[in-house]
Amino acid sequence: MLSIGQVLALLSPEFTDISPSKLRFLEERGLVSPARTQSGYRKFSQGDVERLRLILAMQRDCYLPLNVIKQYLFEVDAGLNPAVPGTTMATVPSMLNGARRYSRDDVLRESGASPTLLNDAVSASLIAASETYGEETLAVLKALVDLQKVAIEPRHLRGFRAAAEREVGLIESALMPESRRNKVSSRAQLAERASEIAAQLEVVRTSLIRSALGKLAP
């Protein structure tokens, strides 16, 4: 059985924003249920740690709000084998293997991108320069490879970064009243609320694009 500090030490290399308040918030939301000592201290099993790793990975890599993750875990706990919502990942073990990191050569080989395309993506602020890359960068690079086939280059997408920053500014403004409240789990709650707002903005954005595309039809 592990203390909260030991759990943080295990998870922080992979999830740099993990904190005691976030662990407490996940417990408050019913996603994890650590044991308690007679003195009231939390004690986490190895199963709890793997469950936390799954939850954090689904938040980070799949952009899923906690209510969706909670429903997914409910089905897993019931002995079902649900697909991870919004992804092609089929089972829990596929997400518990740890997030893979790719070298520059690896990400180019896996995506089929040229070194020039990767450099152009970095220059256009679509991908952050790094010594290693994660699954999200690989997915973006694969998309850029497909877009390049229809003559859409990274330089054409520079506005995406500005649009994303404006959207983050909108979310921050919406959460400003909540951020002024002094609660133990406030940071974790704000992060969850931000994810929920971002998901709703995505629904609106997708609807607008589909509507505009519909006007192109004869």
Protein backbone atom coordinates (compact mmCIF):
# COMPACT_ATOMS: atom_id res chain seq x y z
CA MET A 1 0.00 0.00 0.00
CA LEU A 2 1.34 3.39 -1.00
CA SER A 3 1.00 6.85 0.50
CA ILE A 4 -0.17 9.77 -1.59
CA GLY A 5 3.42 11.00 -1.81
CA GLN A 6 4.62 7.65 -3.16
CA VAL A 7 1.82 7.66 -5.74
CA LEU A 8 2.83 11.13 -6.87
CA ALA A 9 6.44 9.99 -7.21
CA LEU A 10 5.33 7.09 -9.43
CA LEU A 11 3.04 9.13 -11.67
CA SER A 12 4.72 12.52 -11.91
CA PRO A 13 7.37 11.48 -14.49
CA GLU A 14 4.56 10.66 -16.93
CA PHE A 15 1.98 13.21 -15.75
CA THR A 16 3.83 16.36 -14.78
CA ASP A 17 0.72 18.24 -13.60
CA ILE A 18 -0.29 15.60 -11.04
CA SER A 19 -0.71 16.98 -7.52
CA PRO A 20 -2.19 15.97 -4.14
CA SER A 21 -5.21 18.16 -4.82
CA LYS A 22 -5.86 16.44 -8.14
CA LEU A 23 -5.74 13.00 -6.50
CA ARG A 24 -8.16 14.18 -3.83
CA PHE A 25 -10.43 15.64 -6.50
CA LEU A 26 -10.51 12.34 -8.42
CA GLU A 27 -11.44 10.61 -5.17
CA GLU A 28 -14.18 13.16 -4.49
CA ARG A 29 -15.62 12.49 -7.95
CA GLY A 30 -15.71 8.75 -7.26
CA LEU A 31 -13.16 7.67 -9.84
CA VAL A 32 -10.77 6.09 -7.36
CA SER A 33 -11.35 4.82 -3.81
CA PRO A 34 -8.13 4.42 -1.81
CA ALA A 35 -8.19 2.64 1.53
CA ARG A 36 -7.90 4.62 4.75
CA THR A 37 -5.83 3.94 7.83
CA GLN A 38 -7.33 4.30 11.30
CA SER A 39 -5.78 7.76 11.37
CA GLY A 40 -7.54 8.69 8.13
CA TYR A 41 -4.50 8.63 5.82
CA ARG A 42 -5.05 7.47 2.26
CA LYS A 43 -3.36 4.24 1.17
CA PHE A 44 -3.29 3.31 -2.52
CA SER A 45 -2.93 -0.21 -3.89
CA GLN A 46 -1.05 -1.00 -7.11
CA GLY A 47 -4.47 -1.39 -8.72
CA ASP A 48 -5.36 2.14 -7.62
CA VAL A 49 -2.16 3.44 -9.21
CA GLU A 50 -2.91 1.71 -12.52
CA ARG A 51 -6.45 3.06 -12.41
CA LEU A 52 -5.13 6.58 -11.84
CA ARG A 53 -2.68 6.14 -14.70
CA LEU A 54 -5.56 5.14 -16.97
CA ILE A 55 -7.71 8.10 -15.89
CA LEU A 56 -4.89 10.60 -16.40
CA ALA A 57 -3.99 9.11 -19.77
CA MET A 58 -7.60 9.30 -20.95
CA GLN A 59 -7.74 12.95 -19.89
CA ARG A 60 -4.45 13.86 -21.50
CA ASP A 61 -4.46 11.74 -24.65
CA CYS A 62 -8.18 11.43 -25.41
CA TYR A 63 -9.39 14.79 -24.00
CA LEU A 64 -12.25 13.05 -22.22
CA PRO A 65 -14.19 14.76 -19.40
CA LEU A 66 -14.38 12.95 -16.09
CA ASN A 67 -18.07 12.04 -16.41
CA VAL A 68 -17.29 10.09 -19.60
CA ILE A 69 -14.26 8.43 -17.98
CA LYS A 70 -16.36 7.54 -14.93
CA GLN A 71 -18.99 5.83 -17.10
CA TYR A 72 -16.26 3.95 -18.94
CA LEU A 73 -14.75 2.73 -15.67
CA PHE A 74 -18.20 1.74 -14.42
CA GLU A 75 -18.58 -0.56 -17.42
CA VAL A 76 -15.08 -1.96 -16.90
CA ASP A 77 -15.81 -2.61 -13.23
CA ALA A 78 -19.00 -4.39 -14.28
CA GLY A 79 -16.90 -6.89 -16.23
CA LEU A 80 -17.60 -5.44 -19.67
CA ASN A 81 -14.98 -4.70 -22.32
CA PRO A 82 -15.96 -1.25 -23.63
CA ALA A 83 -14.06 0.69 -26.24
CA VAL A 84 -12.38 3.85 -25.01
CA PRO A 85 -14.81 6.66 -25.98
CA GLY A 86 -13.78 8.68 -29.01
CA THR A 87 -10.81 6.49 -29.95
CA THR A 88 -9.97 3.27 -31.72
CA MET A 89 -8.47 1.90 -28.50
CA ALA A 90 -10.45 -1.17 -27.56
CA THR A 91 -9.49 -2.17 -24.03
CA VAL A 92 -7.99 -1.01 -20.77
CA PRO A 93 -4.67 -2.86 -21.17
CA SER A 94 -3.98 -0.98 -24.38
CA MET A 95 -3.87 2.24 -22.36
CA LEU A 96 -2.02 0.83 -19.38
CA ASN A 97 1.11 0.01 -21.33
CA GLY A 98 2.37 3.55 -20.81
CA ALA A 99 2.56 6.44 -23.22
CA ARG A 100 5.11 5.75 -25.91
CA ARG A 101 7.69 8.37 -26.79
CA TYR A 102 9.12 8.69 -30.28
CA SER A 103 12.49 10.00 -31.38
CA ARG A 104 12.61 12.33 -34.37
CA ASP A 105 13.49 9.45 -36.69
CA ASP A 106 10.75 7.28 -35.16
CA VAL A 107 8.01 9.88 -35.56
CA LEU A 108 9.03 10.54 -39.16
CA ARG A 109 9.02 6.84 -39.98
CA GLU A 110 5.70 6.13 -38.21
CA SER A 111 3.92 9.10 -39.79
CA GLY A 112 5.45 8.92 -43.25
CA ALA A 113 6.36 12.59 -43.01
CA SER A 114 9.46 14.17 -44.47
CA PRO A 115 11.94 16.07 -42.26
CA THR A 116 10.90 19.23 -44.11
CA LEU A 117 7.24 18.72 -43.19
CA LEU A 118 8.10 18.27 -39.52
CA ASN A 119 10.29 21.38 -39.57
CA ASP A 120 7.52 23.35 -41.28
CA ALA A 121 5.02 22.16 -38.67
CA VAL A 122 7.32 23.36 -35.89
CA SER A 123 7.80 26.71 -37.65
CA ALA A 124 4.03 27.11 -37.96
CA SER A 125 3.63 26.38 -34.21
CA LEU A 126 1.52 23.31 -34.95
CA ILE A 127 4.03 21.04 -33.20
CA ALA A 128 6.38 21.99 -30.37
CA ALA A 129 10.07 21.32 -30.99
CA SER A 130 11.31 18.48 -28.79
CA GLU A 131 13.85 15.69 -28.59
CA THR A 132 11.05 13.14 -28.27
CA TYR A 133 7.39 13.17 -29.30
CA GLY A 134 4.19 11.60 -28.01
CA GLU A 135 1.17 9.97 -29.61
CA GLU A 136 -0.60 13.30 -30.09
CA THR A 137 2.28 14.71 -32.14
CA LEU A 138 2.33 11.53 -34.22
CA ALA A 139 -1.41 11.91 -34.93
CA VAL A 140 -0.97 15.57 -35.92
CA LEU A 141 1.93 14.72 -38.21
CA LYS A 142 -0.06 11.95 -39.89
CA ALA A 143 -2.87 14.44 -40.50
CA LEU A 144 -0.40 16.92 -41.99
CA VAL A 145 0.89 14.22 -44.33
CA ASP A 146 -2.65 13.65 -45.62
CA LEU A 147 -3.33 17.38 -45.88
CA GLN A 148 -0.14 17.87 -47.87
CA LYS A 149 -1.55 15.48 -50.49
CA VAL A 150 -4.28 18.04 -51.19
CA ALA A 151 -1.81 20.94 -51.21
CA ILE A 152 -2.54 22.13 -47.67
CA GLU A 153 0.80 22.96 -46.06
CA PRO A 154 1.63 23.81 -42.43
CA ARG A 155 2.04 27.47 -43.36
CA HIS A 156 -1.62 27.54 -44.38
CA LEU A 157 -2.56 26.49 -40.83
CA ARG A 158 -0.72 29.17 -38.87
CA GLY A 159 -4.05 30.68 -37.90
CA PHE A 160 -4.94 27.50 -36.03
CA ARG A 161 -2.50 28.36 -33.26
CA ALA A 162 -3.93 31.86 -32.87
CA ALA A 163 -7.46 30.47 -32.86
CA ALA A 164 -6.52 27.92 -30.18
CA GLU A 165 -4.99 30.65 -28.02
CA ARG A 166 -8.13 32.78 -28.38
CA GLU A 167 -10.22 29.78 -27.34
CA VAL A 168 -8.04 29.21 -24.27
CA GLY A 169 -8.45 32.89 -23.40
CA LEU A 170 -12.22 32.49 -23.65
CA ILE A 171 -12.13 29.49 -21.32
CA GLU A 172 -9.90 31.29 -18.83
CA SER A 173 -12.30 34.25 -18.77
CA ALA A 174 -15.27 31.93 -18.20
CA LEU A 175 -13.47 30.27 -15.29
CA MET A 176 -12.18 33.46 -13.70
CA PRO A 177 -14.95 33.61 -11.01
CA GLU A 178 -14.29 29.98 -10.03
CA SER A 179 -10.52 30.48 -9.96
CA ARG A 180 -10.93 33.08 -7.21
CA ARG A 181 -12.42 30.55 -4.84
CA ASN A 182 -9.94 29.06 -2.43
CA LYS A 183 -10.62 25.34 -2.25
CA VAL A 184 -8.28 22.43 -1.71
CA SER A 185 -9.19 20.83 -5.03
CA SER A 186 -9.76 24.06 -6.95
CA ARG A 187 -6.97 23.50 -9.49
CA ALA A 188 -8.18 20.03 -10.33
CA GLN A 189 -11.77 21.24 -10.56
CA LEU A 190 -10.76 24.09 -12.84
CA ALA A 191 -8.87 21.71 -15.10
CA GLU A 192 -11.93 19.47 -15.35
CA ARG A 193 -14.25 22.40 -16.04
CA ALA A 194 -11.85 23.66 -18.69
CA SER A 195 -11.95 20.26 -20.41
CA GLU A 196 -15.74 20.26 -20.32
CA ILE A 197 -15.95 23.76 -21.81
CA ALA A 198 -13.41 22.84 -24.48
CA ALA A 199 -15.50 19.81 -25.41
CA GLN A 200 -18.61 21.98 -25.80
CA LEU A 201 -16.70 24.47 -27.94
CA GLU A 202 -15.59 21.56 -30.10
CA VAL A 203 -19.24 20.59 -30.64
CA VAL A 204 -20.04 24.13 -31.81
CA ARG A 205 -16.96 24.30 -34.04
CA THR A 206 -17.72 20.95 -35.67
CA SER A 207 -21.33 21.97 -36.31
CA LEU A 208 -20.24 25.21 -37.98
CA ILE A 209 -17.79 23.40 -40.23
CA ARG A 210 -20.36 20.79 -41.24
CA SER A 211 -22.89 23.52 -41.95
CA ALA A 212 -20.41 25.38 -44.12
CA LEU A 213 -19.46 22.20 -45.97
CA GLY A 214 -23.12 21.50 -46.60
CA LYS A 215 -23.37 24.74 -48.56
CA LEU A 216 -20.72 23.44 -50.96
CA ALA A 217 -22.97 20.60 -52.07
CA PRO A 218 -24.80 21.24 -55.38
